[in-house]
């Protein structure tokens, strides 16, 4: 459910009448746009696992490329020493 500014003001005024000044504190802690914008700890754990997997994949790919380049350069160096 998306909450618009009009609904928030209506709720704030109603709370102000019921609980007084604490209504302002409560309203400051409510997220704009409803509950969909809140991230849970489970969401963060999942995101952390996804990021770690992406980093691992990228580092693995980079390492394999570096090994390939170093092997080729060593081959060229030894060939140059042998026939040069």
Protein backbone atom coordinates (compact mmCIF):
# COMPACT_ATOMS: atom_id res chain seq x y z
CA UNK A 1 0.00 0.00 0.00
CA UNK A 2 1.46 3.33 -1.07
CA UNK A 3 0.88 6.11 1.41
CA UNK A 4 0.63 9.62 -0.01
CA UNK A 5 1.32 12.88 1.81
CA UNK A 6 -2.38 13.56 2.37
CA UNK A 7 -2.80 10.22 4.16
CA UNK A 8 0.30 10.91 6.28
CA UNK A 9 -1.02 14.32 7.34
CA UNK A 10 -4.43 12.86 8.16
CA UNK A 11 -2.78 10.19 10.32
CA UNK A 12 -0.52 12.76 11.98
CA UNK A 13 -3.47 14.97 12.94
CA UNK A 14 -5.42 12.00 14.28
CA UNK A 15 -2.45 10.81 16.33
CA UNK A 16 -1.83 14.34 17.58
CA UNK A 17 -5.36 14.34 19.01
CA UNK A 18 -4.93 10.92 20.60
CA UNK A 19 -1.40 10.93 22.02
CA UNK A 20 -0.20 14.52 21.78
CA UNK A 21 3.41 15.52 21.07
CA UNK A 22 4.59 11.90 20.82
CA UNK A 23 2.72 11.76 17.51
CA UNK A 24 5.43 13.90 15.90
CA UNK A 25 8.15 11.50 17.05
CA UNK A 26 6.15 8.52 15.79
CA UNK A 27 5.48 10.10 12.40
CA UNK A 28 9.18 10.89 11.92
CA UNK A 29 9.95 7.17 12.17
CA UNK A 30 7.36 5.99 9.65
CA UNK A 31 8.79 5.35 6.17
CA UNK A 32 7.48 7.32 3.21
CA UNK A 33 5.76 5.13 0.64
CA UNK A 34 4.75 2.40 3.08
CA UNK A 35 6.42 -0.74 4.33
CA UNK A 36 7.81 -1.73 0.90
CA UNK A 37 10.79 0.59 1.38
CA UNK A 38 12.01 -1.14 4.54
CA UNK A 39 14.91 -3.59 4.28
CA UNK A 40 15.06 -6.53 6.68
CA UNK A 41 18.14 -8.26 8.05
CA UNK A 42 17.31 -11.27 5.88
CA UNK A 43 17.35 -8.99 2.82
CA UNK A 44 20.79 -7.71 3.83
CA UNK A 45 22.13 -11.24 4.37
CA UNK A 46 20.90 -12.26 0.91
CA UNK A 47 22.39 -9.12 -0.65
CA UNK A 48 25.71 -9.79 1.10
CA UNK A 49 25.81 -13.34 -0.29
CA UNK A 50 25.05 -12.09 -3.81
CA UNK A 51 27.77 -9.43 -3.63
CA UNK A 52 30.32 -11.94 -2.30
CA UNK A 53 29.50 -14.33 -5.15
CA UNK A 54 29.92 -11.57 -7.73
CA UNK A 55 33.25 -10.47 -6.22
CA UNK A 56 34.50 -14.07 -6.12
CA UNK A 57 33.52 -14.61 -9.75
CA UNK A 58 35.21 -11.37 -10.86
CA UNK A 59 38.42 -12.09 -8.92
CA UNK A 60 38.54 -15.64 -10.26
CA UNK A 61 38.15 -14.39 -13.82
CA UNK A 62 40.80 -11.72 -13.31
CA UNK A 63 43.23 -14.23 -11.80
CA UNK A 64 42.81 -16.61 -14.73
CA UNK A 65 43.47 -13.78 -17.20
CA UNK A 66 46.61 -12.71 -15.34
CA UNK A 67 47.90 -16.30 -15.28
CA UNK A 68 47.28 -16.60 -19.04
CA UNK A 69 49.12 -13.35 -19.79
CA UNK A 70 52.04 -14.23 -17.50
CA UNK A 71 52.36 -17.68 -19.10
CA UNK A 72 52.40 -16.15 -22.58
CA UNK A 73 55.01 -13.57 -21.55
CA UNK A 74 57.21 -16.26 -20.00
CA UNK A 75 56.97 -18.28 -23.20
CA UNK A 76 57.99 -15.26 -25.28
CA UNK A 77 60.85 -14.47 -22.92
CA UNK A 78 62.25 -18.01 -23.03
CA UNK A 79 61.83 -18.17 -26.81
CA UNK A 80 63.68 -14.87 -27.13
CA UNK A 81 66.51 -16.12 -24.92
CA UNK A 82 66.78 -19.40 -26.79
CA UNK A 83 66.78 -17.97 -30.34
CA UNK A 84 67.85 -14.41 -29.66
